[in-house]
């Protein structure tokens, strides 16, 4: 099966592919970015961590195509960019317990009540991410919407995540943390960002 733009086929993937063999890197850890946007985080990640493999899934075709081209020009073999809905692709792309980390940065909050079902961090996606992470694996979640953040921390903890900052608490910014394209603007202006660093417990609950 091909997960790509309709007019491009950069990589052919079957159910639960062997990522190291498919991509041809010696990557030790496999990570997922849900909604890569303009790609600032993905590109910086690939440059800093050539020993890891990051799969970036973006619904907007133009954003994904632009990011793929930039990654190819820079020689980032450990960055795979796919176009599609991560809710649908992730269960096919990754077996349970295979991901070292999942990165979700500034998802659309879908303000209207009738649109809340479209929010990325709902019960179904929370459970899916938890299942795909390996024991001790990390969920890196960031948003500029406090209400969304408070809903997310409650929902994710209820799903079974361990909050590394303590129950109900947000994480402090790590100075070595890679900012996304959007977050760079917030760091410059001082606009607050709510961060969650949650892990899949090492012991089954």
Protein backbone atom coordinates (compact mmCIF):
# COMPACT_ATOMS: atom_id res chain seq x y z
CA UNK A 1 0.00 0.00 0.00
CA UNK A 2 1.25 3.52 -0.79
CA UNK A 3 1.02 6.26 1.84
CA UNK A 4 1.92 9.39 -0.08
CA UNK A 5 0.66 12.29 -2.15
CA UNK A 6 -1.67 11.23 -4.92
CA UNK A 7 0.79 12.20 -7.63
CA UNK A 8 3.94 11.02 -5.82
CA UNK A 9 5.02 7.67 -4.44
CA UNK A 10 8.24 8.17 -2.46
CA UNK A 11 7.77 5.09 -0.32
CA UNK A 12 5.67 1.94 -0.52
CA UNK A 13 4.52 0.55 2.79
CA UNK A 14 2.69 -2.60 3.75
CA UNK A 15 1.01 -3.24 7.07
CA UNK A 16 3.52 -2.68 9.90
CA UNK A 17 6.62 -2.35 7.70
CA UNK A 18 10.14 -2.99 8.91
CA UNK A 19 11.09 0.66 9.06
CA UNK A 20 14.83 0.21 9.35
CA UNK A 21 14.86 -2.07 6.31
CA UNK A 22 12.39 0.06 4.33
CA UNK A 23 14.18 3.36 4.86
CA UNK A 24 17.65 1.88 4.87
CA UNK A 25 19.05 3.66 7.92
CA UNK A 26 20.71 2.27 11.00
CA UNK A 27 18.21 4.08 13.24
CA UNK A 28 17.77 2.60 16.69
CA UNK A 29 14.63 4.47 17.74
CA UNK A 30 11.42 5.04 15.80
CA UNK A 31 9.40 8.19 16.54
CA UNK A 32 6.23 9.78 15.14
CA UNK A 33 5.27 13.41 14.67
CA UNK A 34 1.54 13.96 14.23
CA UNK A 35 0.89 17.10 12.18
CA UNK A 36 4.30 18.34 11.06
CA UNK A 37 3.00 21.64 9.66
CA UNK A 38 5.77 23.72 8.07
CA UNK A 39 8.32 21.18 9.26
CA UNK A 40 10.57 23.22 11.52
CA UNK A 41 10.56 20.60 14.25
CA UNK A 42 11.00 17.62 11.93
CA UNK A 43 13.97 19.14 10.08
CA UNK A 44 15.72 20.21 13.28
CA UNK A 45 15.08 16.79 14.81
CA UNK A 46 16.56 15.00 11.79
CA UNK A 47 19.65 17.20 11.88
CA UNK A 48 20.19 16.72 15.62
CA UNK A 49 19.35 13.00 15.79
CA UNK A 50 20.71 11.18 12.73
CA UNK A 51 20.62 7.96 14.75
CA UNK A 52 16.82 8.07 15.04
CA UNK A 53 14.04 7.62 12.50
CA UNK A 54 11.20 10.17 12.55
CA UNK A 55 8.00 9.59 10.60
CA UNK A 56 6.14 12.88 10.13
CA UNK A 57 2.48 12.63 9.14
CA UNK A 58 0.79 15.77 7.78
CA UNK A 59 -2.72 16.04 6.32
CA UNK A 60 -2.06 19.12 4.17
CA UNK A 61 -0.57 17.96 0.90
CA UNK A 62 1.42 21.12 0.14
CA UNK A 63 3.00 21.24 3.60
CA UNK A 64 3.97 17.57 3.38
CA UNK A 65 5.38 17.92 -0.14
CA UNK A 66 7.43 20.99 0.78
CA UNK A 67 8.81 19.29 3.88
CA UNK A 68 9.70 16.15 1.94
CA UNK A 69 11.60 18.17 -0.65
CA UNK A 70 13.51 20.10 2.00
CA UNK A 71 14.41 16.90 3.83
CA UNK A 72 15.69 15.34 0.60
CA UNK A 73 17.77 18.41 -0.27
CA UNK A 74 19.38 18.34 3.17
CA UNK A 75 20.06 14.63 3.01
CA UNK A 76 17.95 13.69 6.03
CA UNK A 77 17.57 9.97 5.39
CA UNK A 78 16.12 9.46 8.85
CA UNK A 79 13.07 11.65 8.16
CA UNK A 80 10.08 10.12 6.35
CA UNK A 81 7.22 12.49 5.46
CA UNK A 82 3.79 11.03 4.70
CA UNK A 83 0.53 12.69 3.71
CA UNK A 84 -2.61 11.56 5.47
CA UNK A 85 -4.61 11.35 8.68
CA UNK A 86 -2.51 9.95 11.51
CA UNK A 87 -5.62 8.49 13.14
CA UNK A 88 -5.97 6.16 10.16
CA UNK A 89 -2.33 5.66 9.21
CA UNK A 90 -0.72 5.08 12.59
CA UNK A 91 -2.39 1.73 13.35
CA UNK A 92 -1.24 0.45 9.95
CA UNK A 93 2.24 1.92 10.08
CA UNK A 94 3.31 0.93 13.59
CA UNK A 95 2.79 -2.21 15.65
CA UNK A 96 1.92 -1.91 19.30
CA UNK A 97 4.85 -1.00 21.51
CA UNK A 98 7.12 0.07 18.64
CA UNK A 99 7.44 3.84 19.12
CA UNK A 100 10.03 5.49 21.35
CA UNK A 101 8.15 8.81 21.25
CA UNK A 102 5.17 10.59 19.73
CA UNK A 103 5.25 14.36 19.16
CA UNK A 104 2.01 16.35 18.96
CA UNK A 105 2.59 20.10 18.67
CA UNK A 106 -0.15 22.74 18.53
CA UNK A 107 -3.06 20.68 17.20
CA UNK A 108 -6.19 22.54 16.12
CA UNK A 109 -8.33 23.07 19.27
CA UNK A 110 -11.67 22.98 17.36
CA UNK A 111 -13.41 25.56 19.51
CA UNK A 112 -17.05 24.86 18.65
CA UNK A 113 -18.74 22.17 20.71
CA UNK A 114 -20.06 20.40 17.62
CA UNK A 115 -16.48 20.18 16.30
CA UNK A 116 -14.88 18.80 19.48
CA UNK A 117 -15.08 15.28 18.05
CA UNK A 118 -12.46 16.36 15.50
CA UNK A 119 -9.90 17.15 18.18
CA UNK A 120 -6.78 15.10 17.87
CA UNK A 121 -6.48 14.32 21.58
CA UNK A 122 -9.72 12.45 22.12
CA UNK A 123 -10.25 9.17 23.93
CA UNK A 124 -9.62 7.08 20.81
CA UNK A 125 -6.36 8.79 19.83
CA UNK A 126 -5.13 8.87 23.43
CA UNK A 127 -5.58 5.11 23.72
CA UNK A 128 -3.98 4.56 20.30
CA UNK A 129 -0.85 6.56 21.15
CA UNK A 130 -0.50 4.78 24.48
CA UNK A 131 -0.73 1.40 22.74
CA UNK A 132 1.83 2.31 20.05
CA UNK A 133 4.42 3.61 22.52
CA UNK A 134 6.84 1.11 23.98
CA UNK A 135 6.98 0.84 27.79
CA UNK A 136 8.78 3.97 28.96
CA UNK A 137 8.03 5.70 25.64
CA UNK A 138 7.25 9.43 25.65
CA UNK A 139 4.34 11.59 24.48
CA UNK A 140 5.53 15.16 23.85
CA UNK A 141 2.42 17.39 23.66
CA UNK A 142 2.41 21.18 23.31
CA UNK A 143 -0.35 23.73 22.78
CA UNK A 144 -0.91 27.47 23.05
CA UNK A 145 -4.51 26.93 24.20
CA UNK A 146 -4.81 26.56 27.97
CA UNK A 147 -8.30 25.10 27.90
CA UNK A 148 -7.22 22.43 25.45
CA UNK A 149 -4.14 21.68 27.56
CA UNK A 150 -6.17 21.18 30.72
CA UNK A 151 -8.61 18.90 28.92
CA UNK A 152 -5.72 16.96 27.37
CA UNK A 153 -3.85 16.34 30.61
CA UNK A 154 -6.97 14.97 32.27
CA UNK A 155 -7.89 12.82 29.28
CA UNK A 156 -4.39 11.43 28.78
CA UNK A 157 -3.88 10.58 32.44
CA UNK A 158 -7.23 8.79 32.47
CA UNK A 159 -6.13 6.83 29.39
CA UNK A 160 -3.22 5.45 31.41
CA UNK A 161 -0.31 7.80 30.75
CA UNK A 162 2.11 8.63 33.54
CA UNK A 163 2.57 12.40 33.88
CA UNK A 164 6.30 12.94 34.35
CA UNK A 165 5.71 16.34 35.98
CA UNK A 166 3.16 14.95 38.44
CA UNK A 167 -0.56 14.34 38.17
CA UNK A 168 -2.39 17.24 36.54
CA UNK A 169 0.78 19.29 36.09
CA UNK A 170 2.42 20.80 33.02
CA UNK A 171 6.08 20.37 32.14
CA UNK A 172 8.66 23.13 32.19
CA UNK A 173 10.41 23.97 28.95
CA UNK A 174 13.68 22.09 28.55
CA UNK A 175 16.33 24.52 27.23
CA UNK A 176 17.53 21.75 24.88
CA UNK A 177 14.02 21.22 23.54
CA UNK A 178 13.55 21.63 19.78
CA UNK A 179 10.91 24.29 19.03
CA UNK A 180 8.52 23.94 16.11
CA UNK A 181 8.17 26.68 13.51
CA UNK A 182 5.15 28.05 15.35
CA UNK A 183 6.73 27.81 18.78
CA UNK A 184 9.71 29.91 17.71
CA UNK A 185 7.34 32.87 17.35
CA UNK A 186 5.94 32.28 20.82
CA UNK A 187 9.38 32.12 22.36
CA UNK A 188 10.20 35.47 20.74
CA UNK A 189 6.99 37.15 21.92
CA UNK A 190 6.66 35.49 25.31
CA UNK A 191 3.29 33.91 24.50
CA UNK A 192 2.68 31.01 26.90
CA UNK A 193 2.90 27.40 25.78
CA UNK A 194 1.53 24.51 27.82
CA UNK A 195 3.67 21.37 27.65
CA UNK A 196 2.95 17.81 28.65
CA UNK A 197 5.55 15.07 28.89
CA UNK A 198 3.81 11.82 29.53
CA UNK A 199 5.12 8.28 29.46
CA UNK A 200 3.72 4.86 28.92
CA UNK A 201 4.26 3.12 32.25
CA UNK A 202 6.97 0.49 32.26
CA UNK A 203 4.76 -1.78 34.30
CA UNK A 204 1.35 -2.73 32.89
CA UNK A 205 -1.53 -1.22 34.79
